[in-house]
Structure formats: structure tokens, C-alpha cells
Amino acid sequence: MVGALFLVGIVIGCLTVTRLGDIYGRKPLFQLGLLLHILVFSVLIFNTSIPLAMLLIFTSGYAVTMKIYIGLTYNLEMMPKQQQVIASTCQFCFESLVFVFCCFYFQHISKDWRYL
């Protein structure tokens, strides 16, 4: 259920937040998404409650919509047309490397993590 709530947050975010980016501008929603993402993961690190973890994972999926989908569009609007493909590819590659590093870190370096 925890993993599914992340995807539900993304779906609901895509249905609501992307339109708000067109109405109110992409920059404020992108900044809100970054702030929300930092706050959610700061609380999630120290969380021991499963219901709160589920709410935080849902909120994280909602914030991903603001951070990635609106942020990517905002970023690409400020670039020349011929560099947009390279910039978006680099953004997704670096994001993938962060997830790979996190998996490597928790599998090989730090053994200090817990199951929910």
C-alpha cells in the first residue's frame, strides 16, 4: 500500500497541479514542490508511524508532480530549442544516478536502516 500511495499521489498531482502551473505560473509551484519534497523526506527519515508514512509517501508523489513535471517544463522553456533534449536527458540521468547511489549506500555502506 505504501508504494501504491506514491503513484496515487503522482496521478492526483497530474490531474490538479499541472493545470495550476498553467494558471499561476510554473516557478512558484516548482519552488513549492521542492520545499514540500524536502519537508516530507525530512519528516519521513525520523518517522516510526505507518499511517504517517503512508500520508508522507502520498504527499511525496504529489510533490514529485510539482518538482519533475512542472519543473522540467519550466526549465525547458528557458532553454534554446536545440538544447532541450540534451538538458532533459541529463536531468533524468542524474536523477536516476541518485536512486542508484541510495540503493548502493543502503546495501553496502550503511546497515543502519529499518523496515516499516
Protein backbone atom coordinates (compact mmCIF):
# COMPACT_ATOMS: atom_id res chain seq x y z
CA MET A 1 0.00 0.00 0.00
CA VAL A 2 2.86 2.37 0.76
CA GLY A 3 4.31 2.09 -2.75
CA ALA A 4 0.89 2.42 -4.35
CA LEU A 5 0.19 5.65 -2.48
CA PHE A 6 3.23 7.24 -4.13
CA LEU A 7 1.74 6.51 -7.56
CA VAL A 8 -1.69 7.70 -6.45
CA GLY A 9 -0.08 10.96 -5.34
CA ILE A 10 1.51 11.36 -8.77
CA VAL A 11 -1.80 10.69 -10.55
CA ILE A 12 -3.74 13.15 -8.40
CA GLY A 13 -0.94 15.68 -8.77
CA CYS A 14 -1.03 15.33 -12.55
CA LEU A 15 -4.78 15.87 -12.53
CA THR A 16 -4.62 19.02 -10.38
CA VAL A 17 -1.18 20.62 -10.14
CA THR A 18 -0.23 20.67 -13.81
CA ARG A 19 -3.25 22.86 -14.60
CA LEU A 20 -2.36 25.15 -11.68
CA GLY A 21 1.08 25.57 -13.25
CA ASP A 22 -0.58 26.96 -16.36
CA ILE A 23 -2.80 29.31 -14.34
CA TYR A 24 -0.47 30.62 -11.62
CA GLY A 25 2.90 30.11 -13.26
CA ARG A 26 5.40 27.30 -13.12
CA LYS A 27 8.07 28.93 -10.97
CA PRO A 28 6.03 29.27 -7.72
CA LEU A 29 4.71 25.71 -8.00
CA PHE A 30 8.18 24.37 -8.78
CA GLN A 31 9.57 26.12 -5.69
CA LEU A 32 6.67 24.83 -3.59
CA GLY A 33 7.32 21.30 -4.86
CA LEU A 34 10.99 21.49 -3.90
CA LEU A 35 10.15 22.80 -0.43
CA LEU A 36 7.43 20.20 0.07
CA HIS A 37 9.77 17.44 -1.08
CA ILE A 38 12.48 18.50 1.40
CA LEU A 39 9.99 18.73 4.26
CA VAL A 40 8.35 15.39 3.52
CA PHE A 41 11.60 13.49 3.38
CA SER A 42 12.96 15.25 6.47
CA VAL A 43 9.94 14.05 8.43
CA LEU A 44 9.97 10.62 6.77
CA ILE A 45 13.53 9.90 7.89
CA PHE A 46 12.58 10.15 11.57
CA ASN A 47 9.08 8.70 11.26
CA THR A 48 8.10 5.46 13.03
CA SER A 49 4.34 5.56 12.39
CA ILE A 50 2.99 3.60 9.43
CA PRO A 51 -0.13 5.77 8.88
CA LEU A 52 2.02 8.91 8.87
CA ALA A 53 4.46 7.20 6.50
CA MET A 54 1.59 6.46 4.13
CA LEU A 55 0.48 10.09 4.20
CA LEU A 56 4.05 11.28 3.64
CA ILE A 57 4.57 8.91 0.71
CA PHE A 58 1.35 10.15 -0.90
CA THR A 59 2.49 13.75 -0.35
CA SER A 60 5.86 12.87 -1.84
CA GLY A 61 4.18 11.61 -5.00
CA TYR A 62 2.15 14.82 -5.15
CA ALA A 63 5.34 16.88 -4.72
CA VAL A 64 7.07 14.89 -7.47
CA THR A 65 4.48 16.24 -9.88
CA MET A 66 5.46 19.79 -8.96
CA LYS A 67 9.16 19.05 -8.88
CA ILE A 68 9.60 16.99 -12.02
CA TYR A 69 6.75 17.61 -14.44
CA ILE A 70 6.25 21.30 -13.80
CA GLY A 71 9.96 21.86 -13.10
CA LEU A 72 11.02 20.15 -16.31
CA THR A 73 8.62 22.25 -18.35
CA TYR A 74 9.77 25.41 -16.56
CA ASN A 75 13.41 24.50 -17.19
CA LEU A 76 12.89 23.70 -20.87
CA GLU A 77 11.03 26.95 -21.51
CA MET A 78 14.18 28.90 -20.63
CA MET A 79 16.49 26.94 -22.96
CA PRO A 80 17.18 27.20 -26.66
CA LYS A 81 15.27 24.65 -28.72
CA GLN A 82 18.37 22.70 -29.83
CA GLN A 83 19.50 22.07 -26.21
CA GLN A 84 16.18 20.93 -24.74
CA VAL A 85 16.65 17.22 -25.49
CA ILE A 86 20.15 17.15 -24.00
CA ALA A 87 19.06 19.06 -20.89
CA SER A 88 16.06 16.83 -20.17
CA THR A 89 18.12 13.68 -20.77
CA CYS A 90 20.81 14.90 -18.35
CA GLN A 91 18.19 15.76 -15.74
CA PHE A 92 16.65 12.29 -15.80
CA CYS A 93 20.07 10.57 -15.91
CA PHE A 94 21.28 12.46 -12.83
CA GLU A 95 18.05 11.69 -11.01
CA SER A 96 18.48 8.00 -11.83
CA LEU A 97 22.04 8.11 -10.52
CA VAL A 98 20.78 9.49 -7.20
CA PHE A 99 18.46 6.49 -6.80
CA VAL A 100 21.25 4.08 -7.76
CA PHE A 101 23.57 5.73 -5.23
CA CYS A 102 20.92 5.48 -2.49
CA CYS A 103 20.44 1.77 -3.17
CA PHE A 104 24.20 1.19 -3.19
CA TYR A 105 24.62 3.19 0.01
CA PHE A 106 22.00 1.29 1.97
CA GLN A 107 23.07 -2.10 0.63
CA HIS A 108 26.84 -1.81 1.03
CA ILE A 109 27.82 1.15 3.23
CA SER A 110 25.18 1.80 5.87
CA LYS A 111 23.48 -1.02 7.68
CA ASP A 112 21.54 1.40 9.88
CA TRP A 113 18.06 1.31 8.37
CA ARG A 114 14.84 -0.27 9.45
CA TYR A 115 11.77 -1.86 7.97
CA LEU A 116 8.47 -0.07 8.47
